[in-house]
C-alpha cells in the first residue's frame, strides 16, 4: 500500500530525519512513535501530501506521490485518504450532518450512510446539532463518523486520542481497528502504549536528529491474533 524510501526532511540547516524507510501494507495498522519533536506529524503530513519531503520517495501502490501535481494530489486526498487529527478538523459552525456531507457530497445513499456511521459512533439523532455545541469526545466521534462515511483506503491519524477520556479513546481505536480489518491501511502517530499494543507494527523515530536507515518496523502480536 505505502512504501517510504530514503525520505529526508530538513528545515533550513536542521535535518529532522534522513534516509527514512518503512512499509505499511493493506489492512495493516501501524503506530509511528518517538519523542516530541522527532517528526511524527511531519511524516504523516508528507504521506498525506500536506508537506513535501526534502528528498526521497513515497509510493502508493507503486506510484510516487511526491511527483504529483496539484490535480493529482487533490484526487489522491479525495479518493484515497482519510484524516483523523487531535483537533478534529471539523467545521465548527456547521451541523454534524453538514460535516458528514463533505465526505460524500454526491452519493445518493449518503443519508443511509450517515445514519449507519452515526449509529456506530453513538451519535444517532444528533445530525442537526452544531459541532461547536458538542464536547471534545463527541467532536472526535463526528470526525470518526466522517471516515466511516468516506471509507478511505488509507487513514492517517495524528494523536487521535490525545484529548479523549479512556472510553472515547477505546471507541476510536476499536473503530480504526475495524476499518483496518476490512483492508484499510491505518498509520497512527502516537505516544500511547495502549495504541501501540492495538497496532500490528510499530515504527520508532528514536530522536529528532536520528539518522534512520531502513529501520524495520517491530511486529506486535495482538491478543487473539
Protein backbone atom coordinates (compact mmCIF):
# COMPACT_ATOMS: atom_id res chain seq x y z
CA UNK A 1 0.00 0.00 0.00
CA UNK A 2 2.53 2.62 1.18
CA UNK A 3 6.31 2.37 0.80
CA UNK A 4 8.59 5.16 2.02
CA UNK A 5 12.09 5.13 0.55
CA UNK A 6 15.10 7.20 1.62
CA UNK A 7 12.88 10.00 2.84
CA UNK A 8 14.51 13.13 4.26
CA UNK A 9 13.08 16.34 5.68
CA UNK A 10 15.07 19.45 6.53
CA UNK A 11 14.12 22.88 7.83
CA UNK A 12 16.96 25.21 6.94
CA UNK A 13 20.13 23.73 8.41
CA UNK A 14 18.26 21.34 10.65
CA UNK A 15 17.63 17.81 9.38
CA UNK A 16 14.57 16.35 11.05
CA UNK A 17 15.23 12.85 9.71
CA UNK A 18 17.04 11.34 6.74
CA UNK A 19 17.02 8.06 4.78
CA UNK A 20 13.79 7.06 6.48
CA UNK A 21 12.22 3.87 5.12
CA UNK A 22 9.08 1.99 6.07
CA UNK A 23 6.29 -0.06 4.54
CA UNK A 24 2.63 -0.28 5.54
CA UNK A 25 0.58 -3.00 3.89
CA UNK A 26 -3.10 -3.01 3.00
CA UNK A 27 -5.11 -3.85 6.11
CA UNK A 28 -2.22 -3.04 8.44
CA UNK A 29 -2.42 -0.75 11.46
CA UNK A 30 0.95 0.87 12.10
CA UNK A 31 2.00 3.05 15.02
CA UNK A 32 4.63 5.75 14.43
CA UNK A 33 6.28 6.53 17.75
CA UNK A 34 9.07 8.73 19.08
CA UNK A 35 9.64 11.69 21.38
CA UNK A 36 8.05 15.09 20.83
CA UNK A 37 9.90 16.93 18.08
CA UNK A 38 11.07 13.77 16.32
CA UNK A 39 8.87 14.43 13.30
CA UNK A 40 5.94 12.01 13.63
CA UNK A 41 3.38 14.57 12.49
CA UNK A 42 5.67 15.77 9.71
CA UNK A 43 5.97 12.22 8.39
CA UNK A 44 2.18 11.86 8.30
CA UNK A 45 1.90 15.27 6.60
CA UNK A 46 4.35 14.14 3.92
CA UNK A 47 2.43 10.90 3.31
CA UNK A 48 -0.81 12.92 3.19
CA UNK A 49 0.65 15.47 0.74
CA UNK A 50 0.25 18.33 3.20
CA UNK A 51 4.03 18.87 3.23
CA UNK A 52 6.78 17.98 0.78
CA UNK A 53 9.81 15.93 1.82
CA UNK A 54 13.24 17.31 1.05
CA UNK A 55 14.18 14.13 -0.81
CA UNK A 56 13.14 10.51 -1.23
CA UNK A 57 10.02 8.72 -2.42
CA UNK A 58 6.57 7.89 -1.07
CA UNK A 59 5.00 5.14 -3.16
CA UNK A 60 1.28 4.39 -3.08
CA UNK A 61 0.67 1.10 -4.85
CA UNK A 62 3.86 1.70 -6.81
CA UNK A 63 3.15 5.33 -7.79
CA UNK A 64 5.43 8.05 -6.41
CA UNK A 65 3.07 10.57 -4.82
CA UNK A 66 5.87 13.10 -4.26
CA UNK A 67 5.73 13.76 -8.01
CA UNK A 68 2.02 14.56 -8.06
CA UNK A 69 0.89 17.90 -9.41
CA UNK A 70 -1.96 19.83 -7.79
CA UNK A 71 -4.73 17.98 -9.62
CA UNK A 72 -3.34 14.51 -8.90
CA UNK A 73 -2.71 15.43 -5.25
CA UNK A 74 -6.28 16.69 -4.93
CA UNK A 75 -7.66 13.43 -6.37
CA UNK A 76 -5.42 11.38 -4.05
CA UNK A 77 -6.67 13.24 -0.98
CA UNK A 78 -10.27 13.00 -2.20
CA UNK A 79 -10.34 9.35 -3.30
CA UNK A 80 -7.73 7.61 -1.13
CA UNK A 81 -7.00 9.47 2.09
CA UNK A 82 -8.84 9.91 5.34
CA UNK A 83 -7.54 12.07 8.19
CA UNK A 84 -8.14 11.89 11.92
CA UNK A 85 -6.48 14.64 13.94
CA UNK A 86 -6.35 15.53 17.62
CA UNK A 87 -8.01 18.89 16.88
CA UNK A 88 -10.83 17.09 14.97
CA UNK A 89 -10.58 19.34 11.84
CA UNK A 90 -14.35 19.89 11.69
CA UNK A 91 -16.33 22.92 10.53
CA UNK A 92 -17.43 24.13 13.95
CA UNK A 93 -20.28 26.42 12.87
CA UNK A 94 -21.80 23.67 10.69
CA UNK A 95 -24.05 20.81 11.77
CA UNK A 96 -22.97 17.21 12.25
CA UNK A 97 -24.77 16.25 9.02
CA UNK A 98 -23.10 19.05 7.07
CA UNK A 99 -19.69 17.87 8.24
CA UNK A 100 -20.51 14.36 7.05
CA UNK A 101 -21.73 15.71 3.69
CA UNK A 102 -18.15 16.74 2.94
CA UNK A 103 -17.11 13.08 2.86
CA UNK A 104 -19.89 12.07 0.43
CA UNK A 105 -21.18 15.17 -1.38
CA UNK A 106 -22.71 13.40 -4.40
CA UNK A 107 -23.74 9.94 -3.15
CA UNK A 108 -27.44 9.09 -3.47
CA UNK A 109 -27.25 6.84 -0.42
CA UNK A 110 -25.49 9.37 1.77
CA UNK A 111 -28.35 9.72 4.28
CA UNK A 112 -28.34 5.99 4.98
CA UNK A 113 -24.55 6.02 5.20
CA UNK A 114 -24.69 8.95 7.64
CA UNK A 115 -27.16 7.14 9.88
CA UNK A 116 -25.09 3.96 9.87
CA UNK A 117 -21.89 5.87 10.69
CA UNK A 118 -23.52 7.88 13.47
CA UNK A 119 -25.01 4.73 14.91
CA UNK A 120 -21.57 3.12 15.05
CA UNK A 121 -20.15 6.07 16.98
CA UNK A 122 -23.19 6.57 19.22
CA UNK A 123 -24.45 9.87 17.80
CA UNK A 124 -27.73 8.95 16.10
CA UNK A 125 -30.24 11.79 16.49
CA UNK A 126 -27.55 14.46 16.74
CA UNK A 127 -27.37 15.22 12.99
CA UNK A 128 -28.79 18.76 13.25
CA UNK A 129 -26.63 19.91 16.16
CA UNK A 130 -23.88 22.44 15.54
CA UNK A 131 -20.44 20.98 16.05
CA UNK A 132 -19.37 23.74 18.44
CA UNK A 133 -22.11 22.60 20.85
CA UNK A 134 -20.53 19.15 21.16
CA UNK A 135 -17.93 18.02 23.68
CA UNK A 136 -14.40 17.17 22.57
CA UNK A 137 -15.11 13.46 22.68
CA UNK A 138 -18.29 13.91 20.63
CA UNK A 139 -16.44 16.02 18.05
CA UNK A 140 -13.84 13.29 17.62
CA UNK A 141 -16.67 10.80 17.14
CA UNK A 142 -18.06 13.04 14.37
CA UNK A 143 -14.62 13.02 12.76
CA UNK A 144 -14.61 9.23 13.05
CA UNK A 145 -18.10 9.02 11.51
CA UNK A 146 -16.79 11.10 8.61
CA UNK A 147 -14.16 8.41 7.98
CA UNK A 148 -16.82 5.70 8.10
CA UNK A 149 -18.85 7.60 5.51
CA UNK A 150 -15.89 8.17 3.23
CA UNK A 151 -14.39 4.67 3.56
CA UNK A 152 -10.85 5.66 2.54
CA UNK A 153 -8.12 3.20 1.60
CA UNK A 154 -5.53 4.97 3.77
CA UNK A 155 -6.11 6.68 7.12
CA UNK A 156 -3.58 9.00 8.76
CA UNK A 157 -4.30 9.62 12.44
CA UNK A 158 -2.21 12.15 14.37
CA UNK A 159 -2.53 11.62 18.16
CA UNK A 160 -6.24 10.89 17.64
CA UNK A 161 -6.95 10.09 21.32
CA UNK A 162 -4.67 12.64 22.98
CA UNK A 163 -7.53 14.80 24.28
CA UNK A 164 -10.01 12.00 24.99
CA UNK A 165 -11.00 10.04 28.07
CA UNK A 166 -10.35 6.29 28.17
CA UNK A 167 -13.85 5.34 26.99
CA UNK A 168 -13.79 7.59 23.92
CA UNK A 169 -10.18 6.64 23.20
CA UNK A 170 -11.06 2.95 23.19
CA UNK A 171 -14.03 3.59 20.87
CA UNK A 172 -11.81 5.48 18.40
CA UNK A 173 -9.16 2.76 18.32
CA UNK A 174 -11.77 -0.01 18.11
CA UNK A 175 -13.28 1.69 15.05
CA UNK A 176 -9.89 2.22 13.41
CA UNK A 177 -9.15 -1.45 14.08
CA UNK A 178 -12.41 -2.44 12.37
CA UNK A 179 -11.56 -0.29 9.35
CA UNK A 180 -8.12 -1.87 9.20
CA UNK A 181 -9.60 -5.36 9.38
CA UNK A 182 -11.67 -4.57 6.26
CA UNK A 183 -8.49 -3.74 4.29
CA UNK A 184 -7.84 -0.06 5.08
CA UNK A 185 -4.27 0.87 5.95
CA UNK A 186 -4.10 2.93 9.17
CA UNK A 187 -0.99 4.88 10.20
CA UNK A 188 -1.12 6.47 13.67
CA UNK A 189 1.35 8.93 15.18
CA UNK A 190 1.16 8.34 18.91
CA UNK A 191 2.83 8.39 22.32
CA UNK A 192 0.31 5.91 23.73
CA UNK A 193 1.42 2.45 24.82
CA UNK A 194 -2.23 1.38 24.61
CA UNK A 195 -2.46 2.34 20.93
CA UNK A 196 0.86 0.68 20.16
CA UNK A 197 -0.47 -2.51 21.68
CA UNK A 198 -3.53 -2.42 19.41
CA UNK A 199 -1.44 -1.93 16.25
CA UNK A 200 0.15 -4.64 14.12
CA UNK A 201 3.53 -2.94 13.83
CA UNK A 202 5.47 -0.06 15.38
CA UNK A 203 7.90 2.25 13.61
CA UNK A 204 10.01 4.25 16.05
CA UNK A 205 11.72 7.54 15.30
CA UNK A 206 14.32 7.47 18.04
CA UNK A 207 15.25 11.17 18.20
CA UNK A 208 14.78 14.43 16.37
CA UNK A 209 18.23 14.19 14.82
CA UNK A 210 18.20 10.42 14.23
CA UNK A 211 19.65 9.04 11.01
CA UNK A 212 17.12 6.31 10.16
CA UNK A 213 18.43 3.86 7.58
CA UNK A 214 15.83 1.27 6.52
CA UNK A 215 14.60 0.59 10.03
CA UNK A 216 12.35 -2.49 10.06
CA UNK A 217 9.05 -1.94 11.90
CA UNK A 218 8.56 -4.05 15.02
CA UNK A 219 5.78 -6.60 14.64
CA UNK A 220 3.40 -6.60 17.57
CA UNK A 221 1.41 -9.75 18.38
CA UNK A 222 -2.14 -8.62 19.14
CA UNK A 223 -4.19 -10.57 21.67
CA UNK A 224 -6.29 -13.21 19.93
CA UNK A 225 -4.37 -12.95 16.65
